Structure formats: structure tokens, C-alpha cells
Protein backbone atom coordinates (compact mmCIF):
# COMPACT_ATOMS: atom_id res chain seq x y z
CA MET A 1 27.13 -22.76 30.86
CA SER A 2 27.05 -19.13 31.83
CA GLY A 3 30.48 -19.34 33.43
CA GLU A 4 31.89 -19.95 29.95
CA LEU A 5 30.36 -16.83 28.44
CA SER A 6 32.54 -13.92 27.42
CA PRO A 7 31.79 -10.57 29.07
CA ILE A 8 30.10 -9.31 25.89
CA ASP A 9 27.87 -12.40 25.72
CA LYS A 10 27.00 -11.97 29.39
CA ALA A 11 26.04 -8.37 28.63
CA LYS A 12 23.84 -9.47 25.74
CA PHE A 13 22.23 -12.15 27.86
CA VAL A 14 21.33 -9.93 30.82
CA ALA A 15 19.89 -7.27 28.49
CA ALA A 16 17.75 -9.89 26.75
CA LYS A 17 16.71 -11.52 30.01
CA ARG A 18 15.61 -8.22 31.51
CA ALA A 19 13.78 -7.14 28.34
CA ALA A 20 11.83 -10.41 28.30
CA ASP A 21 9.96 -9.07 31.35
CA TYR A 22 8.18 -6.61 29.05
CA VAL A 23 6.30 -9.48 27.39
CA GLU A 24 2.91 -10.30 28.93
CA ASP A 25 0.26 -12.92 28.25
CA GLY A 26 -1.80 -12.26 25.15
CA MET A 27 0.64 -9.83 23.56
CA ARG A 28 1.65 -9.73 19.92
CA VAL A 29 5.40 -9.23 19.94
CA GLY A 30 7.89 -8.44 17.21
CA LEU A 31 11.02 -10.57 17.55
CA GLY A 32 14.24 -9.08 16.26
CA THR A 33 17.17 -10.58 14.40
CA GLY A 34 20.80 -10.94 15.45
CA SER A 35 22.91 -12.34 18.26
CA THR A 36 21.31 -10.34 21.08
CA ALA A 37 17.81 -11.02 19.76
CA ALA A 38 18.64 -14.74 19.72
CA TRP A 39 19.23 -14.55 23.47
CA LEU A 40 15.82 -12.89 23.83
CA VAL A 41 14.05 -15.63 21.87
CA ARG A 42 15.71 -18.25 24.07
CA CYS A 43 14.66 -16.42 27.22
CA LEU A 44 11.09 -16.11 26.01
CA GLY A 45 11.04 -19.77 25.02
CA GLU A 46 12.05 -20.69 28.55
CA MET A 47 9.23 -18.53 29.93
CA VAL A 48 6.76 -20.25 27.60
CA ARG A 49 7.94 -23.65 28.76
CA ASP A 50 8.46 -23.05 32.47
CA GLU A 51 6.06 -20.24 33.35
CA GLY A 52 3.21 -20.82 30.91
CA LEU A 53 3.67 -17.50 29.13
CA ARG A 54 1.44 -17.30 26.08
CA PHE A 55 1.98 -14.73 23.36
CA LYS A 56 2.27 -14.54 19.59
CA GLY A 57 5.60 -13.69 18.03
CA VAL A 58 6.16 -11.92 14.72
CA PRO A 59 9.73 -12.67 13.58
CA THR A 60 11.77 -10.24 11.51
CA SER A 61 13.67 -12.92 9.58
CA THR A 62 13.44 -16.56 8.59
CA ARG A 63 16.20 -17.52 11.04
CA THR A 64 14.42 -15.82 13.94
CA ALA A 65 11.21 -17.62 12.93
CA GLU A 66 13.02 -20.97 12.96
CA LEU A 67 14.55 -20.34 16.38
CA ALA A 68 11.23 -19.13 17.82
CA ARG A 69 9.44 -22.26 16.66
CA ASP A 70 12.26 -24.44 18.01
CA VAL A 71 11.82 -23.01 21.53
CA GLY A 72 8.03 -23.27 21.50
CA ILE A 73 6.91 -19.74 20.65
CA GLU A 74 3.76 -19.41 18.55
CA VAL A 75 4.78 -17.65 15.34
CA ILE A 76 2.41 -15.60 13.18
CA SER A 77 2.90 -13.16 10.32
CA LEU A 78 2.59 -9.40 10.59
CA ASP A 79 -0.44 -9.56 8.31
CA GLU A 80 -2.09 -11.91 10.79
CA ALA A 81 -1.16 -9.71 13.74
CA ARG A 82 -1.93 -6.45 11.90
CA TRP A 83 -0.56 -4.40 14.82
CA LEU A 84 1.85 -5.26 17.64
CA ASP A 85 1.95 -4.42 21.32
CA LEU A 86 5.72 -4.52 21.46
CA THR A 87 8.85 -5.18 19.42
CA ILE A 88 12.14 -6.17 21.04
CA ASP A 89 15.25 -6.07 18.87
CA GLY A 90 18.96 -5.45 18.99
CA ALA A 91 20.97 -2.60 17.45
CA ASP A 92 24.40 -2.15 15.94
CA GLU A 93 24.65 1.38 17.38
CA PHE A 94 22.48 3.71 19.43
CA ASP A 95 23.01 7.33 20.46
CA GLY A 96 21.76 9.48 23.33
CA ASP A 97 18.47 10.19 21.54
CA LEU A 98 17.96 6.43 21.00
CA ASN A 99 18.43 6.76 17.26
CA LEU A 100 19.81 3.51 15.87
CA ILE A 101 21.84 1.89 13.16
CA LYS A 102 20.48 -1.57 12.40
CA GLY A 103 20.92 -4.10 9.65
CA GLY A 104 24.18 -5.81 10.51
CA GLY A 105 22.28 -9.08 10.34
CA GLY A 106 20.73 -8.19 7.00
CA ALA A 107 17.09 -7.97 8.16
CA LEU A 108 16.69 -4.19 8.36
CA LEU A 109 13.64 -3.97 6.08
CA GLN A 110 11.50 -6.42 8.02
CA GLU A 111 12.87 -5.05 11.30
CA LYS A 112 11.82 -1.50 10.44
CA ILE A 113 8.37 -2.54 9.20
CA VAL A 114 7.72 -4.56 12.36
CA ALA A 115 9.11 -1.91 14.71
CA THR A 116 6.99 0.87 13.23
CA ALA A 117 3.88 -1.34 13.44
CA SER A 118 4.28 -1.57 17.23
CA ASP A 119 3.02 0.45 20.16
CA GLN A 120 6.50 0.26 21.69
CA MET A 121 10.01 -0.65 20.59
CA VAL A 122 12.52 -1.89 23.13
CA VAL A 123 16.14 -2.22 22.05
CA ILE A 124 18.49 -4.63 23.78
CA ALA A 125 22.23 -4.05 23.51
CA ASP A 126 25.53 -4.42 25.27
CA ILE A 127 27.16 -1.22 26.48
CA GLY A 128 29.63 -1.31 23.60
CA LYS A 129 26.86 -0.37 21.17
CA GLU A 130 26.39 3.10 22.69
CA VAL A 131 28.01 5.93 20.69
CA GLU A 132 28.07 9.69 20.92
CA THR A 133 27.48 10.04 17.18
CA LEU A 134 26.19 7.37 14.81
CA GLY A 135 28.33 6.19 11.93
CA ALA A 136 31.27 4.13 13.13
CA PHE A 137 29.28 1.01 12.26
CA PRO A 138 28.77 0.79 8.48
CA LEU A 139 25.26 1.91 7.55
CA PRO A 140 23.37 -0.83 5.69
CA VAL A 141 21.22 0.20 2.74
CA GLU A 142 19.01 -2.42 1.09
CA VAL A 143 18.87 -2.06 -2.69
CA ILE A 144 17.21 -4.04 -5.46
CA PRO A 145 19.61 -6.18 -7.52
CA PHE A 146 18.68 -4.50 -10.82
CA GLY A 147 21.21 -1.76 -11.50
CA TRP A 148 22.69 -1.97 -8.02
CA GLN A 149 26.03 -0.59 -9.21
CA THR A 150 24.28 2.47 -10.62
CA THR A 151 22.40 2.88 -7.34
CA GLN A 152 25.70 2.60 -5.49
CA ALA A 153 27.26 5.32 -7.66
CA MET A 154 24.27 7.61 -7.07
CA ILE A 155 24.48 7.06 -3.31
CA GLU A 156 28.19 7.87 -3.21
CA GLU A 157 27.61 10.99 -5.32
CA THR A 158 24.80 12.09 -2.98
CA LEU A 159 26.97 11.58 0.08
CA ILE A 160 29.21 14.44 -1.07
CA SER A 161 26.57 16.90 0.11
CA MET A 162 25.76 15.05 3.34
CA ASP A 163 27.25 15.68 6.78
CA VAL A 164 29.38 12.53 6.86
CA LEU A 165 33.11 11.87 7.07
CA GLY A 166 33.36 8.96 4.65
CA ARG A 167 31.68 8.19 1.32
CA ASN A 168 32.86 4.69 0.41
CA SER A 169 30.40 1.83 0.10
CA THR A 170 30.78 -1.91 -0.38
CA LEU A 171 28.43 -4.63 -1.56
CA ARG A 172 27.84 -7.10 1.26
CA ILE A 173 29.11 -10.55 0.32
CA ASN A 174 28.07 -13.98 1.60
CA GLY A 175 30.87 -16.39 0.76
CA GLU A 176 31.71 -15.64 -2.86
CA ALA A 177 28.31 -14.27 -3.87
CA PRO A 178 26.38 -11.13 -2.98
CA PHE A 179 24.40 -11.35 0.25
CA VAL A 180 20.68 -11.77 -0.46
CA THR A 181 18.05 -10.58 2.00
CA ASP A 182 14.81 -12.43 2.75
CA GLU A 183 13.17 -10.17 0.15
CA GLY A 184 15.74 -11.06 -2.50
CA ASN A 185 17.64 -7.77 -2.39
CA HIS A 186 21.29 -6.79 -1.88
CA ILE A 187 22.84 -4.66 0.85
CA LEU A 188 25.32 -1.84 0.39
CA ASP A 189 27.29 -0.99 3.53
CA LEU A 190 28.15 2.72 3.70
CA HIS A 191 31.42 3.47 5.51
CA LEU A 192 30.63 6.95 6.79
CA SER A 193 32.61 7.08 10.08
CA ARG A 194 30.33 9.83 11.37
CA ILE A 195 26.75 10.82 10.53
CA GLY A 196 26.13 14.43 11.51
CA ASN A 197 22.44 14.53 10.56
CA PRO A 198 20.92 11.02 10.64
CA ARG A 199 17.36 12.23 10.00
CA GLN A 200 18.34 14.09 6.83
CA LEU A 201 20.44 11.21 5.54
CA ALA A 202 17.64 8.69 6.12
CA LEU A 203 15.18 10.83 4.17
CA VAL A 204 17.57 11.47 1.28
CA LEU A 205 18.56 7.80 0.90
CA ASN A 206 14.96 6.60 0.79
CA GLN A 207 14.13 9.05 -2.01
CA MET A 208 16.65 7.42 -4.35
CA PRO A 209 15.43 4.98 -7.02
CA GLY A 210 16.76 1.49 -6.33
CA VAL A 211 16.95 2.01 -2.58
CA VAL A 212 14.45 -0.11 -0.67
CA GLU A 213 15.27 0.96 2.89
CA ASN A 214 18.15 2.16 5.05
CA GLY A 215 19.36 1.08 8.48
CA LEU A 216 18.79 4.38 10.28
CA PHE A 217 15.97 3.99 12.83
CA ILE A 218 14.97 7.54 13.79
CA ASP A 219 12.34 8.24 16.48
CA ILE A 220 11.33 4.57 16.56
CA CYS A 221 12.99 3.25 19.72
CA ASP A 222 11.23 4.03 23.02
CA THR A 223 13.44 2.19 25.52
CA VAL A 224 16.92 0.73 25.48
CA VAL A 225 17.97 -2.05 27.84
CA ILE A 226 21.76 -1.98 28.16
CA GLY A 227 23.64 -5.00 29.47
CA PHE A 228 27.04 -5.03 31.16
CA GLY A 229 29.45 -7.92 31.48
CA ASP A 230 29.13 -8.01 35.28
CA GLY A 231 25.37 -8.57 35.21
CA ARG A 232 24.28 -4.95 35.56
CA VAL A 233 21.42 -3.68 33.44
CA GLU A 234 20.40 -0.11 32.67
CA LEU A 235 16.98 0.85 31.30
CA ARG A 236 16.60 4.20 29.54
CA ASP A 237 13.13 5.40 28.58
CA ILE A 238 13.27 8.24 26.06
CA ASN A 239 9.60 9.17 26.55
CA GLU A 240 9.62 9.27 30.34
CA GLY A 241 13.18 10.57 30.57
CA THR A 242 13.98 7.93 33.19
CA ILE A 243 17.01 5.75 33.85
CA GLU A 244 16.73 2.61 35.99
CA GLN A 245 19.48 0.33 37.25
CA ASP A 246 19.16 -3.40 37.88
CA ARG A 247 21.35 -6.47 38.26
CA LEU A 248 20.75 -10.06 37.18
CA ASP A 249 22.39 -13.11 38.66
CA PHE A 250 23.64 -15.90 36.45
CA VAL A 251 22.33 -19.42 37.02
CA GLU A 252 24.92 -22.01 36.10
CA SER A 253 22.34 -24.68 35.34
CA ASP A 254 20.34 -22.42 33.05
CA ASN A 255 19.58 -24.46 29.92
CA LEU A 256 19.51 -21.28 27.87
CA PHE A 257 23.23 -21.80 27.40
CA ASN A 258 22.94 -25.25 25.91
CA ASP A 259 23.23 -25.43 22.13
CA LEU A 260 22.50 -21.75 21.57
CA ALA A 261 22.48 -21.09 17.86
CA GLU A 262 22.99 -17.44 17.02
């Protein structure tokens, strides 16, 4: 029940609930990956069931696809959709220009492909994800398994000339084995503390052999929906330069809170 949610989960929920209003009948919608995106999928599933909303969802990971199907959303591939009206996804960090760090859930490659194939990207996040400068959250970089240690060494060497505070990186582990993405790759998490020039760093990383993609989303997000633990929601539109305030009430009987699997 909603009364049992922590303030951070309440913030994630109200952001997801408010962002669900962007989805209209007939749309093709990219569905993000992660804990906040899971709230969104649940909210949209409720709208499909209770309000007759009909749209096609393009998931950014196998786990999002499974959850979407479980709640009654029609799932198609990006190749079937070809282009999307909207993508809604979470973020690990966002700054005042709505640049993002994503990839904490390990789906950054599919997330970036889907987001850039959309007319609009809406990010949903709790207020704790807002930062003045990106970099406190480790930056994920997806690399192919072949020669990953060499790729890691090249990345760390390259970071010497970048405007960052830290240069250490770690291979992401799942249990006792390396984490494997849906595409069969590994992820290096770069512990940079501060990224002074995200655009430059994103370009440099993606020019390196062995690097598939990085978790810096630059000039991709159009709107961020920020949730607060008391039910307040703030919408910031980078294109219109507008900020809107809203508030959502919690419904104790809301079945969204039953058996939520994030």
C-alpha cells in the first residue's frame, strides 16, 4: 500500500504517475529500464486495464518487456515501430541542461537507441537525482568482452586529459561473474566524481575501439518530471523553458502497490 512506501519510492511513483499522462491512444512509446521506469510501466498497465488506453510499447530491456507484458501492454520491437512518438525513462543523474547519466540498470545501449529514435524524451526522477555537475554517479561504459581489460586501460589513460576529478574504473559484477548486458557486453563504471565537459567526454569515449556506448545522454532529454516524497511534482521543459508545479494524491487501495517487482 502507498502508506508503506518510503519517501523516495513515493517520489518515484508520483513522477511516473504524472509522466504517464503524456501517453495517448495510438502512440508508439519507448519504455525505460530501472526502478522508476517500473513504476511507469505499472501506471500505464493500469491505464490500459481501467481506462482502455491503447498504445504500443518498445521496451529497452528484457525485464521491462516482461513487466510490460505482465500488465497488459502491447509490446513491439523498435524495428517494428521504426520511429517513436515518445520515450519515458529514468535517470541516475540529471543537470540543469537536462543532460543525463544513465546505465545504472545496465540497459544504456538500448535506452540511448530508443530515446534518440523518438520525437520526445521525458525523464522521470526523484529530486535526489538532480545535480549541479554530472559525475558523482559512476559513469557506465558498455564494452565488448574481447580485450576489455585493454579497453579499460585505454579509457583510464584517456581520462588523464579529460576534465574529470577521478580516473578509476571498475568492471561491473553480477554475483561472482561479470555483468552481461542484453547484447552480451560488459560494463565498466567510471568513478569520475565530476565531469566538467560531458559532451567532450561522450565523444572521446565513443571513438575508442572496444567501447560500444557510454551513459552520457547529451541533448536527448526534452522534459524532466521530478517527484518529491510529499506528492509534489515539477515538470521542466528544456525546449519551452517552462517549469510547472503539480501535486498527486495517494490512493491507499491503488493496486499498483501490490506485488511490484522492480
